């Protein structure tokens, strides 16, 4: 079965309101991270190298961003540098991320440098449970008052690229 991370992202005009809603459903606060995402293009795929503290995680995306990340692997800074030298750096995004967990759903409240505030709802799934996982994520979107029209189907890197044009 193909592993997925189902992800929905929307602009967030009031992060404090989202935090209050998360408290009402007993979401567990997991902490706050400063993260740097470095995007690399590899043919029709995108590699994202996420640095959070001393950990570098590699995400490989399919062309259809809403299908989720196809692969996730932890590496070290030396591997990150080698990948950037080999493939080439496309763009970099830095953010402050507050993380909450409810069951198998992770809710991130992000303050992205140069872009503003966002909320992301994501959950891991496989082919068999993909539809149910999407419905669970949509439940939390609704709970937070996020409408389908508010969903942004792009990565932060894509948003940065679109603003630069």
Protein backbone atom coordinates (compact mmCIF):
# COMPACT_ATOMS: atom_id res chain seq x y z
CA UNK A 1 0.00 0.00 0.00
CA UNK A 2 1.20 3.50 -0.84
CA UNK A 3 1.64 5.70 2.25
CA UNK A 4 0.15 9.18 2.08
CA UNK A 5 0.02 12.23 4.21
CA UNK A 6 -3.31 13.89 3.51
CA UNK A 7 -2.89 17.63 3.93
CA UNK A 8 -5.15 20.67 3.83
CA UNK A 9 -3.79 24.20 4.17
CA UNK A 10 -5.61 27.54 4.56
CA UNK A 11 -4.72 31.11 5.44
CA UNK A 12 -5.37 31.84 9.10
CA UNK A 13 -6.46 35.33 10.07
CA UNK A 14 -6.88 34.48 13.76
CA UNK A 15 -4.47 31.84 15.10
CA UNK A 16 -5.63 32.45 18.69
CA UNK A 17 -9.22 31.48 17.74
CA UNK A 18 -7.92 28.23 16.21
CA UNK A 19 -5.98 27.49 19.41
CA UNK A 20 -9.14 28.03 21.49
CA UNK A 21 -11.10 25.65 19.26
CA UNK A 22 -8.34 23.04 19.58
CA UNK A 23 -8.55 23.29 23.38
CA UNK A 24 -12.29 22.50 23.26
CA UNK A 25 -11.58 19.16 21.54
CA UNK A 26 -8.66 18.30 23.83
CA UNK A 27 -6.01 18.59 21.14
CA UNK A 28 -2.60 17.88 22.66
CA UNK A 29 -0.07 20.68 22.25
CA UNK A 30 3.21 19.16 21.02
CA UNK A 31 5.36 22.27 21.06
CA UNK A 32 6.69 24.89 18.72
CA UNK A 33 9.44 24.45 16.11
CA UNK A 34 11.35 26.79 13.88
CA UNK A 35 11.61 25.02 10.52
CA UNK A 36 13.38 25.72 7.26
CA UNK A 37 12.12 23.99 4.11
CA UNK A 38 14.50 23.84 1.14
CA UNK A 39 12.82 22.85 -2.14
CA UNK A 40 14.64 20.97 -4.88
CA UNK A 41 13.18 19.89 -8.23
CA UNK A 42 13.94 16.39 -9.49
CA UNK A 43 12.23 15.86 -12.85
CA UNK A 44 8.48 15.79 -12.23
CA UNK A 45 8.96 15.36 -8.48
CA UNK A 46 9.74 17.87 -5.77
CA UNK A 47 12.06 17.12 -2.88
CA UNK A 48 11.60 19.14 0.27
CA UNK A 49 14.33 19.09 2.88
CA UNK A 50 12.93 20.17 6.23
CA UNK A 51 15.35 21.26 8.94
CA UNK A 52 13.97 21.35 12.46
CA UNK A 53 16.64 21.57 15.11
CA UNK A 54 19.36 19.06 14.24
CA UNK A 55 17.01 16.84 12.20
CA UNK A 56 16.67 16.99 8.43
CA UNK A 57 13.71 15.15 6.90
CA UNK A 58 13.35 14.54 3.16
CA UNK A 59 9.87 14.59 1.63
CA UNK A 60 9.26 13.48 -1.95
CA UNK A 61 6.06 14.81 -3.48
CA UNK A 62 4.11 13.55 -6.44
CA UNK A 63 3.00 15.99 -9.14
CA UNK A 64 -0.45 16.09 -7.54
CA UNK A 65 0.27 17.84 -4.25
CA UNK A 66 -3.12 16.88 -2.76
CA UNK A 67 -2.20 13.20 -3.08
CA UNK A 68 0.29 13.70 -0.29
CA UNK A 69 3.91 12.99 0.27
CA UNK A 70 5.05 9.73 -1.23
CA UNK A 71 8.18 9.30 0.80
CA UNK A 72 9.68 10.55 4.03
CA UNK A 73 13.18 9.85 5.25
CA UNK A 74 15.42 11.35 7.92
CA UNK A 75 18.95 12.31 6.92
CA UNK A 76 21.76 14.50 8.24
CA UNK A 77 23.09 17.92 7.24
CA UNK A 78 25.84 16.39 5.11
CA UNK A 79 23.24 14.51 3.02
CA UNK A 80 21.18 17.70 2.72
CA UNK A 81 24.19 19.64 1.45
CA UNK A 82 25.03 16.87 -1.02
CA UNK A 83 21.47 16.83 -2.39
CA UNK A 84 21.46 20.61 -2.81
CA UNK A 85 24.84 20.50 -4.61
CA UNK A 86 23.71 17.65 -6.87
CA UNK A 87 20.15 18.71 -7.71
CA UNK A 88 20.21 22.44 -7.02
CA UNK A 89 18.25 24.60 -4.61
CA UNK A 90 14.97 25.99 -5.97
CA UNK A 91 13.60 28.01 -3.01
CA UNK A 92 13.70 28.24 0.79
CA UNK A 93 10.82 28.88 3.22
CA UNK A 94 11.19 29.48 6.96
CA UNK A 95 8.38 29.22 9.47
CA UNK A 96 7.44 28.98 13.12
CA UNK A 97 5.16 25.98 13.63
CA UNK A 98 2.93 25.19 16.59
CA UNK A 99 1.89 21.55 16.56
CA UNK A 100 -1.29 19.97 17.98
CA UNK A 101 -2.41 16.32 17.81
CA UNK A 102 -5.94 14.90 17.92
CA UNK A 103 -6.05 11.12 17.45
CA UNK A 104 -4.22 10.51 14.14
CA UNK A 105 -4.58 14.12 12.94
CA UNK A 106 -1.85 16.74 13.24
CA UNK A 107 -2.85 20.39 13.17
CA UNK A 108 -0.13 22.94 12.55
CA UNK A 109 -0.48 26.66 13.09
CA UNK A 110 2.26 28.22 10.97
CA UNK A 111 3.70 31.71 10.86
CA UNK A 112 5.53 31.70 7.51
CA UNK A 113 8.16 34.34 6.83
CA UNK A 114 6.94 36.71 4.13
CA UNK A 115 3.60 34.91 3.71
CA UNK A 116 1.69 35.26 6.98
CA UNK A 117 -0.30 32.81 9.12
CA UNK A 118 -1.70 29.46 8.02
CA UNK A 119 -3.33 26.41 9.52
CA UNK A 120 -2.55 22.93 8.17
CA UNK A 121 -4.47 19.77 8.90
CA UNK A 122 -2.73 16.54 8.04
CA UNK A 123 -3.04 12.84 8.72
CA UNK A 124 -1.19 9.74 7.60
CA UNK A 125 -3.10 7.20 5.55
CA UNK A 126 -2.78 4.40 3.04
CA UNK A 127 -4.76 3.54 -0.09
CA UNK A 128 -7.35 1.55 1.85
CA UNK A 129 -8.14 4.30 4.37
CA UNK A 130 -7.55 7.37 2.23
CA UNK A 131 -11.22 8.43 1.84
CA UNK A 132 -11.94 8.05 5.56
CA UNK A 133 -8.80 10.01 6.42
CA UNK A 134 -9.83 12.82 4.07
CA UNK A 135 -13.26 12.94 5.73
CA UNK A 136 -11.65 13.16 9.19
CA UNK A 137 -9.48 16.07 8.05
CA UNK A 138 -12.53 17.78 6.54
CA UNK A 139 -14.36 17.41 9.87
CA UNK A 140 -11.61 19.42 11.59
CA UNK A 141 -11.62 21.99 8.78
CA UNK A 142 -15.34 22.46 9.36
CA UNK A 143 -14.89 22.63 13.13
CA UNK A 144 -12.43 25.50 12.67
CA UNK A 145 -14.75 27.29 10.24
CA UNK A 146 -12.51 26.74 7.22
CA UNK A 147 -14.49 26.50 3.99
CA UNK A 148 -13.49 24.51 0.91
CA UNK A 149 -12.94 27.79 -0.97
CA UNK A 150 -10.33 28.77 1.67
CA UNK A 151 -8.16 25.71 1.00
CA UNK A 152 -4.83 26.46 -0.66
CA UNK A 153 -3.72 23.52 -2.83
CA UNK A 154 -0.08 24.65 -2.95
CA UNK A 155 3.00 24.22 -0.83
CA UNK A 156 4.55 27.24 0.83
CA UNK A 157 7.29 27.00 -1.77
CA UNK A 158 4.69 27.25 -4.56
CA UNK A 159 3.10 30.27 -2.89
CA UNK A 160 6.50 32.00 -2.65
CA UNK A 161 7.12 31.25 -6.33
CA UNK A 162 3.71 32.62 -7.39
CA UNK A 163 4.28 35.83 -5.41
CA UNK A 164 7.65 36.35 -7.10
CA UNK A 165 6.06 36.39 -10.57
